[in-house]
Amino acid sequence: MEIFKYRLWQEQKFQCLYTGRVFPFNQLFGDTNNYQIEHTIPRSISFDSELKNLTVCDSVYNNFTKTITSQLECPNYYESYTLDTVDGKLNVLQL
């Protein structure tokens, strides 16, 4: 599983897709458990645990999102987000 974590970290340009924070290699592994592998689309919905449906994300943020009922409660939710904003982020990740 560690090789998947490393590969996802590289594909995501060394950042958490949910918080946007860049994190170094030394925080990816070890006893700190700052970052974990998460299903992008929940496994209970997608039944998919393939690499294409996995993300390396901030553990604190990931655990917090499991306790909320609405995305509006997320600390990084911005009403001004548009499809163009999200599309721009996706283009950067694809480069």
N, C-alpha and C. Protein backbone atom coordinates (compact mmCIF):
# COMPACT_ATOMS: atom_id res chain seq x y z
N MET A 1 0.82 -1.20 0.00
CA MET A 1 0.00 0.00 0.00
C MET A 1 0.87 1.27 0.00
N GLU A 2 2.07 1.16 0.57
CA GLU A 2 2.95 2.33 0.64
C GLU A 2 3.36 2.80 -0.76
N ILE A 3 3.55 1.85 -1.68
CA ILE A 3 3.92 2.23 -3.04
C ILE A 3 2.78 2.99 -3.72
N PHE A 4 1.54 2.61 -3.41
CA PHE A 4 0.38 3.35 -3.94
C PHE A 4 0.36 4.77 -3.40
N LYS A 5 0.65 4.90 -2.12
CA LYS A 5 0.67 6.22 -1.49
C LYS A 5 1.70 7.12 -2.17
N TYR A 6 2.89 6.56 -2.41
CA TYR A 6 3.95 7.30 -3.07
C TYR A 6 3.55 7.69 -4.49
N ARG A 7 2.99 6.75 -5.21
CA ARG A 7 2.58 7.01 -6.60
C ARG A 7 1.49 8.08 -6.67
N LEU A 8 0.50 7.99 -5.79
CA LEU A 8 -0.57 9.00 -5.76
C LEU A 8 -0.01 10.37 -5.41
N TRP A 9 0.91 10.41 -4.46
CA TRP A 9 1.55 11.66 -4.05
C TRP A 9 2.22 12.33 -5.24
N GLN A 10 2.92 11.54 -6.05
CA GLN A 10 3.56 12.08 -7.24
C GLN A 10 2.52 12.57 -8.26
N GLU A 11 1.50 11.77 -8.52
CA GLU A 11 0.46 12.14 -9.49
C GLU A 11 -0.28 13.41 -9.07
N GLN A 12 -0.41 13.63 -7.78
CA GLN A 12 -1.13 14.80 -7.26
C GLN A 12 -0.22 16.01 -7.13
N LYS A 13 0.97 15.93 -7.68
CA LYS A 13 1.95 17.02 -7.61
C LYS A 13 2.26 17.38 -6.16
N PHE A 14 2.36 16.36 -5.31
CA PHE A 14 2.81 16.48 -3.93
C PHE A 14 1.87 17.30 -3.04
N GLN A 15 0.60 17.31 -3.37
CA GLN A 15 -0.34 18.10 -2.58
C GLN A 15 -1.61 17.32 -2.25
N CYS A 16 -2.26 17.75 -1.20
CA CYS A 16 -3.57 17.20 -0.83
C CYS A 16 -4.60 17.87 -1.74
N LEU A 17 -5.38 17.08 -2.43
CA LEU A 17 -6.37 17.64 -3.35
C LEU A 17 -7.51 18.35 -2.62
N TYR A 18 -7.73 18.01 -1.36
CA TYR A 18 -8.82 18.61 -0.61
C TYR A 18 -8.43 19.94 0.02
N THR A 19 -7.21 20.02 0.56
CA THR A 19 -6.78 21.26 1.22
C THR A 19 -5.92 22.13 0.32
N GLY A 20 -5.31 21.53 -0.70
CA GLY A 20 -4.42 22.27 -1.58
C GLY A 20 -3.02 22.42 -1.03
N ARG A 21 -2.78 21.93 0.17
CA ARG A 21 -1.46 22.07 0.79
C ARG A 21 -0.47 21.08 0.18
N VAL A 22 0.72 21.60 -0.11
CA VAL A 22 1.82 20.76 -0.57
C VAL A 22 2.46 20.13 0.67
N PHE A 23 2.78 18.85 0.60
CA PHE A 23 3.42 18.21 1.74
C PHE A 23 4.63 17.41 1.29
N PRO A 24 5.71 17.46 2.08
CA PRO A 24 6.96 16.81 1.69
C PRO A 24 6.93 15.30 1.90
N PHE A 25 7.87 14.65 1.29
CA PHE A 25 8.00 13.20 1.35
C PHE A 25 8.05 12.69 2.79
N ASN A 26 8.79 13.39 3.67
CA ASN A 26 8.96 12.89 5.04
C ASN A 26 7.66 12.92 5.84
N GLN A 27 6.64 13.64 5.39
CA GLN A 27 5.34 13.61 6.07
C GLN A 27 4.42 12.55 5.49
N LEU A 28 4.81 11.99 4.38
CA LEU A 28 3.98 10.99 3.70
C LEU A 28 4.04 9.64 4.41
N PHE A 29 5.20 9.31 4.94
CA PHE A 29 5.41 8.01 5.59
C PHE A 29 5.85 8.20 7.03
N GLY A 30 5.89 7.13 7.75
CA GLY A 30 6.38 7.16 9.13
C GLY A 30 5.26 7.06 10.14
N ASP A 31 5.62 7.37 11.37
CA ASP A 31 4.69 7.22 12.49
C ASP A 31 3.71 8.38 12.62
N THR A 32 3.93 9.45 11.91
CA THR A 32 3.08 10.64 12.07
C THR A 32 1.66 10.43 11.56
N ASN A 33 1.50 9.65 10.51
CA ASN A 33 0.18 9.39 9.92
C ASN A 33 -0.56 10.68 9.58
N ASN A 34 0.20 11.68 9.08
CA ASN A 34 -0.41 12.96 8.70
C ASN A 34 -1.25 12.84 7.44
N TYR A 35 -0.90 11.89 6.59
CA TYR A 35 -1.59 11.74 5.31
C TYR A 35 -1.98 10.28 5.11
N GLN A 36 -3.15 10.07 4.53
CA GLN A 36 -3.66 8.73 4.34
C GLN A 36 -4.31 8.58 2.97
N ILE A 37 -4.48 7.35 2.57
CA ILE A 37 -5.16 7.07 1.31
C ILE A 37 -6.66 7.07 1.56
N GLU A 38 -7.38 7.77 0.70
CA GLU A 38 -8.83 7.92 0.83
C GLU A 38 -9.47 7.58 -0.52
N HIS A 39 -10.66 7.04 -0.48
CA HIS A 39 -11.42 6.82 -1.71
C HIS A 39 -12.01 8.16 -2.16
N THR A 40 -11.74 8.56 -3.38
CA THR A 40 -12.26 9.81 -3.92
C THR A 40 -13.79 9.76 -3.97
N ILE A 41 -14.30 8.73 -4.59
CA ILE A 41 -15.74 8.44 -4.54
C ILE A 41 -15.87 7.30 -3.52
N PRO A 42 -16.64 7.48 -2.47
CA PRO A 42 -16.69 6.47 -1.41
C PRO A 42 -16.89 5.05 -1.95
N ARG A 43 -16.15 4.14 -1.37
CA ARG A 43 -16.22 2.74 -1.80
C ARG A 43 -17.63 2.18 -1.65
N SER A 44 -18.37 2.67 -0.65
CA SER A 44 -19.74 2.19 -0.44
C SER A 44 -20.66 2.57 -1.60
N ILE A 45 -20.27 3.58 -2.36
CA ILE A 45 -21.06 4.02 -3.52
C ILE A 45 -20.50 3.44 -4.81
N SER A 46 -19.18 3.49 -4.95
CA SER A 46 -18.55 3.11 -6.22
C SER A 46 -18.12 1.64 -6.29
N PHE A 47 -17.95 1.00 -5.14
CA PHE A 47 -17.43 -0.37 -5.08
C PHE A 47 -16.08 -0.46 -5.79
N ASP A 48 -15.32 0.63 -5.78
CA ASP A 48 -14.07 0.73 -6.53
C ASP A 48 -12.91 1.08 -5.61
N SER A 49 -11.94 0.18 -5.52
CA SER A 49 -10.72 0.45 -4.74
C SER A 49 -9.50 0.49 -5.65
N GLU A 50 -9.73 0.72 -6.93
CA GLU A 50 -8.61 0.83 -7.86
C GLU A 50 -7.90 2.16 -7.64
N LEU A 51 -6.66 2.22 -8.11
CA LEU A 51 -5.82 3.40 -7.92
C LEU A 51 -6.49 4.67 -8.46
N LYS A 52 -7.25 4.54 -9.54
CA LYS A 52 -7.90 5.71 -10.14
C LYS A 52 -8.94 6.34 -9.21
N ASN A 53 -9.39 5.62 -8.20
CA ASN A 53 -10.38 6.15 -7.26
C ASN A 53 -9.77 6.42 -5.88
N LEU A 54 -8.45 6.51 -5.81
CA LEU A 54 -7.79 6.77 -4.54
C LEU A 54 -7.07 8.10 -4.56
N THR A 55 -6.96 8.70 -3.39
CA THR A 55 -6.34 10.01 -3.21
C THR A 55 -5.53 9.98 -1.93
N VAL A 56 -4.37 10.64 -1.92
CA VAL A 56 -3.64 10.85 -0.67
C VAL A 56 -4.12 12.18 -0.12
N CYS A 57 -4.57 12.17 1.13
CA CYS A 57 -5.12 13.41 1.68
C CYS A 57 -4.71 13.60 3.13
N ASP A 58 -4.87 14.83 3.58
CA ASP A 58 -4.61 15.22 4.96
C ASP A 58 -5.52 14.42 5.89
N SER A 59 -4.93 13.70 6.85
CA SER A 59 -5.71 12.83 7.75
C SER A 59 -6.70 13.61 8.59
N VAL A 60 -6.30 14.76 9.10
CA VAL A 60 -7.20 15.56 9.95
C VAL A 60 -8.40 16.02 9.14
N TYR A 61 -8.15 16.54 7.95
CA TYR A 61 -9.25 17.01 7.10
C TYR A 61 -10.16 15.84 6.71
N ASN A 62 -9.55 14.74 6.34
CA ASN A 62 -10.32 13.57 5.92
C ASN A 62 -11.22 13.06 7.05
N ASN A 63 -10.69 12.98 8.25
CA ASN A 63 -11.49 12.52 9.39
C ASN A 63 -12.59 13.51 9.73
N PHE A 64 -12.31 14.81 9.58
CA PHE A 64 -13.33 15.83 9.85
C PHE A 64 -14.49 15.70 8.87
N THR A 65 -14.20 15.48 7.59
CA THR A 65 -15.27 15.42 6.59
C THR A 65 -16.19 14.23 6.81
N LYS A 66 -15.72 13.22 7.51
CA LYS A 66 -16.58 12.07 7.81
C LYS A 66 -17.61 12.39 8.90
N THR A 67 -17.42 13.52 9.60
CA THR A 67 -18.33 13.88 10.70
C THR A 67 -19.37 14.91 10.29
N ILE A 68 -19.27 15.45 9.09
CA ILE A 68 -20.20 16.51 8.68
C ILE A 68 -21.29 15.96 7.77
N THR A 69 -22.34 16.71 7.64
CA THR A 69 -23.46 16.27 6.81
C THR A 69 -23.57 17.03 5.50
N SER A 70 -22.87 18.15 5.40
CA SER A 70 -22.96 18.97 4.20
C SER A 70 -21.59 19.50 3.82
N GLN A 71 -21.33 19.57 2.53
CA GLN A 71 -20.06 20.13 2.07
C GLN A 71 -19.93 21.60 2.44
N LEU A 72 -21.04 22.25 2.70
CA LEU A 72 -21.00 23.65 3.10
C LEU A 72 -20.27 23.83 4.43
N GLU A 73 -20.17 22.77 5.21
CA GLU A 73 -19.49 22.83 6.50
C GLU A 73 -17.98 22.66 6.39
N CYS A 74 -17.48 22.28 5.23
CA CYS A 74 -16.05 22.09 5.05
C CYS A 74 -15.32 23.41 5.19
N PRO A 75 -14.17 23.41 5.88
CA PRO A 75 -13.44 24.67 6.08
C PRO A 75 -12.90 25.28 4.79
N ASN A 76 -12.77 24.51 3.73
CA ASN A 76 -12.26 25.07 2.48
C ASN A 76 -13.36 25.27 1.45
N TYR A 77 -14.62 25.31 1.90
CA TYR A 77 -15.73 25.55 0.98
C TYR A 77 -15.83 27.04 0.69
N TYR A 78 -15.90 27.37 -0.56
CA TYR A 78 -16.06 28.76 -0.98
C TYR A 78 -17.24 28.85 -1.92
N GLU A 79 -18.15 29.73 -1.61
CA GLU A 79 -19.33 29.89 -2.47
C GLU A 79 -18.94 30.37 -3.86
N SER A 80 -17.79 31.01 -3.95
CA SER A 80 -17.38 31.57 -5.24
C SER A 80 -16.73 30.52 -6.15
N TYR A 81 -16.59 29.28 -5.69
CA TYR A 81 -16.04 28.26 -6.56
C TYR A 81 -16.94 28.08 -7.78
N THR A 82 -16.32 28.01 -8.92
CA THR A 82 -17.05 27.77 -10.16
C THR A 82 -16.41 26.58 -10.86
N LEU A 83 -17.04 26.13 -11.89
CA LEU A 83 -16.48 25.04 -12.67
C LEU A 83 -15.13 25.44 -13.27
N ASP A 84 -14.98 26.71 -13.64
CA ASP A 84 -13.71 27.18 -14.19
C ASP A 84 -12.59 27.06 -13.17
N THR A 85 -12.88 27.36 -11.91
CA THR A 85 -11.88 27.26 -10.86
C THR A 85 -11.42 25.82 -10.70
N VAL A 86 -12.36 24.92 -10.63
CA VAL A 86 -12.04 23.50 -10.48
C VAL A 86 -11.32 22.99 -11.72
N ASP A 87 -11.77 23.39 -12.89
CA ASP A 87 -11.15 22.96 -14.14
C ASP A 87 -9.70 23.43 -14.20
N GLY A 88 -9.44 24.64 -13.73
CA GLY A 88 -8.07 25.15 -13.69
C GLY A 88 -7.17 24.30 -12.83
N LYS A 89 -7.67 23.87 -11.68
CA LYS A 89 -6.89 23.00 -10.80
C LYS A 89 -6.62 21.66 -11.46
N LEU A 90 -7.61 21.12 -12.14
CA LEU A 90 -7.43 19.84 -12.82
C LEU A 90 -6.39 19.94 -13.92
N ASN A 91 -6.39 21.04 -14.65
CA ASN A 91 -5.41 21.23 -15.72
C ASN A 91 -4.00 21.25 -15.16
N VAL A 92 -3.80 21.89 -14.02
CA VAL A 92 -2.48 21.94 -13.40
C VAL A 92 -2.02 20.54 -13.02
N LEU A 93 -2.92 19.74 -12.48
CA LEU A 93 -2.57 18.39 -12.06
C LEU A 93 -2.25 17.48 -13.24
N GLN A 94 -2.83 17.75 -14.39
CA GLN A 94 -2.61 16.90 -15.56
C GLN A 94 -1.29 17.20 -16.25
N LEU A 95 -0.69 18.33 -15.99
CA LEU A 95 0.57 18.69 -16.65
C LEU A 95 1.72 17.83 -16.22
